[in-house]
Amino acid sequence: MRKVEPGWVEIAPPDGGPGLSFQTEPLFTRPRWPSTRSEQQMMMHLDIEVNDLSSAVEHALALGATVTDFQPQDDVRVLFDPAGHPFCLFVRTGPGA
């Protein structure tokens, strides 16, 4: 399910269940990542599990994301959404992978 209104978007599975809602903020200040005390810190952070990290990064880039300069782990890619919010794409490794 996808619901779009002025300044608001909601995404959720078509059969119900948890979803995400996003609202615009006219006083928004782009966050700084990695964080510093003197600048706006991230307000949210999504970790998204993917099967193929390279393909997922390419898909995110095609949708307007950018890769951050700082990458703290080999099996995780930190990207910024178009508004500057950091999010991670990761491949599960280790036990239970």
Protein backbone atom coordinates (compact mmCIF):
# COMPACT_ATOMS: atom_id res chain seq x y z
CA MET A 1 0.00 0.00 0.00
CA ARG A 2 1.21 3.47 -0.76
CA LYS A 3 -0.53 6.65 0.39
CA VAL A 4 0.65 10.05 -0.81
CA GLU A 5 -0.62 13.42 0.40
CA PRO A 6 0.98 16.87 0.27
CA GLY A 7 4.02 16.68 2.55
CA TRP A 8 3.33 13.06 3.53
CA VAL A 9 3.93 9.57 2.19
CA GLU A 10 3.12 6.23 3.76
CA ILE A 11 4.32 2.84 2.54
CA ALA A 12 3.10 -0.50 3.86
CA PRO A 13 2.52 -4.06 2.66
CA PRO A 14 -0.66 -4.36 0.58
CA ASP A 15 -2.08 -7.00 2.95
CA GLY A 16 -1.52 -4.88 6.06
CA GLY A 17 1.18 -5.04 8.70
CA PRO A 18 3.88 -2.56 9.73
CA GLY A 19 4.64 0.34 7.44
CA LEU A 20 6.66 3.54 7.32
CA SER A 21 5.39 7.11 7.14
CA PHE A 22 7.44 10.14 6.14
CA GLN A 23 6.55 13.80 6.55
CA THR A 24 8.32 16.86 5.17
CA GLU A 25 9.78 19.39 7.58
CA PRO A 26 10.09 22.98 6.37
CA LEU A 27 12.90 23.72 8.88
CA PHE A 28 14.87 20.59 7.94
CA THR A 29 18.65 20.75 8.27
CA ARG A 30 20.60 18.05 6.46
CA PRO A 31 22.30 15.74 9.00
CA ARG A 32 26.06 15.23 9.23
CA TRP A 33 27.41 11.67 9.12
CA PRO A 34 29.56 10.55 10.71
CA SER A 35 28.07 12.65 13.49
CA THR A 36 29.71 15.62 15.13
CA ARG A 37 28.51 17.44 18.23
CA SER A 38 28.32 20.80 16.49
CA GLU A 39 26.14 19.79 13.51
CA GLN A 40 22.73 18.21 12.98
CA GLN A 41 22.87 14.50 13.78
CA MET A 42 20.82 11.85 11.99
CA MET A 43 17.19 11.69 13.01
CA MET A 44 16.55 8.15 11.80
CA HIS A 45 18.54 5.29 10.40
CA LEU A 46 17.31 2.30 8.42
CA ASP A 47 19.31 -0.91 8.08
CA ILE A 48 18.06 -2.85 5.06
CA GLU A 49 19.11 -6.47 4.53
CA VAL A 50 19.79 -7.36 0.88
CA ASN A 51 20.89 -10.52 -0.91
CA ASP A 52 23.37 -8.86 -3.28
CA LEU A 53 25.11 -5.78 -1.92
CA SER A 54 26.48 -4.55 -5.24
CA SER A 55 23.13 -4.80 -7.03
CA ALA A 56 21.29 -3.17 -4.13
CA VAL A 57 23.72 -0.24 -4.10
CA GLU A 58 23.31 0.22 -7.86
CA HIS A 59 19.52 0.19 -7.47
CA ALA A 60 19.66 2.76 -4.65
CA LEU A 61 21.96 4.99 -6.72
CA ALA A 62 19.52 4.81 -9.65
CA LEU A 63 16.78 6.03 -7.27
CA GLY A 64 18.79 9.07 -6.15
CA ALA A 65 20.91 7.82 -3.23
CA THR A 66 24.60 8.63 -2.90
CA VAL A 67 27.35 6.54 -1.31
CA THR A 68 29.00 8.12 1.74
CA ASP A 69 32.75 8.64 1.85
CA PHE A 70 33.06 6.77 5.17
CA GLN A 71 32.35 3.02 4.99
CA PRO A 72 32.96 1.34 8.38
CA GLN A 73 32.37 -2.31 7.35
CA ASP A 74 33.04 -4.54 4.33
CA ASP A 75 29.58 -6.18 4.31
CA VAL A 76 27.66 -2.90 4.77
CA ARG A 77 27.27 0.13 2.53
CA VAL A 78 26.23 3.44 4.04
CA LEU A 79 24.34 5.72 1.66
CA PHE A 80 22.45 9.00 1.87
CA ASP A 81 18.89 9.33 0.64
CA PRO A 82 18.23 12.41 -1.55
CA ALA A 83 17.49 14.52 1.57
CA GLY A 84 20.75 13.48 3.24
CA HIS A 85 19.53 10.86 5.72
CA PRO A 86 22.04 8.01 6.08
CA PHE A 87 20.85 4.41 5.67
CA CYS A 88 22.64 1.07 5.41
CA LEU A 89 22.37 -1.80 3.01
CA PHE A 90 23.87 -5.01 4.39
CA VAL A 91 24.35 -8.69 3.63
CA ARG A 92 23.88 -11.01 6.61
CA THR A 93 27.11 -12.84 7.45
CA GLY A 94 28.18 -15.20 10.19
CA PRO A 95 25.98 -17.72 12.07
CA GLY A 96 22.44 -17.93 10.74
CA ALA A 97 23.34 -16.22 7.47
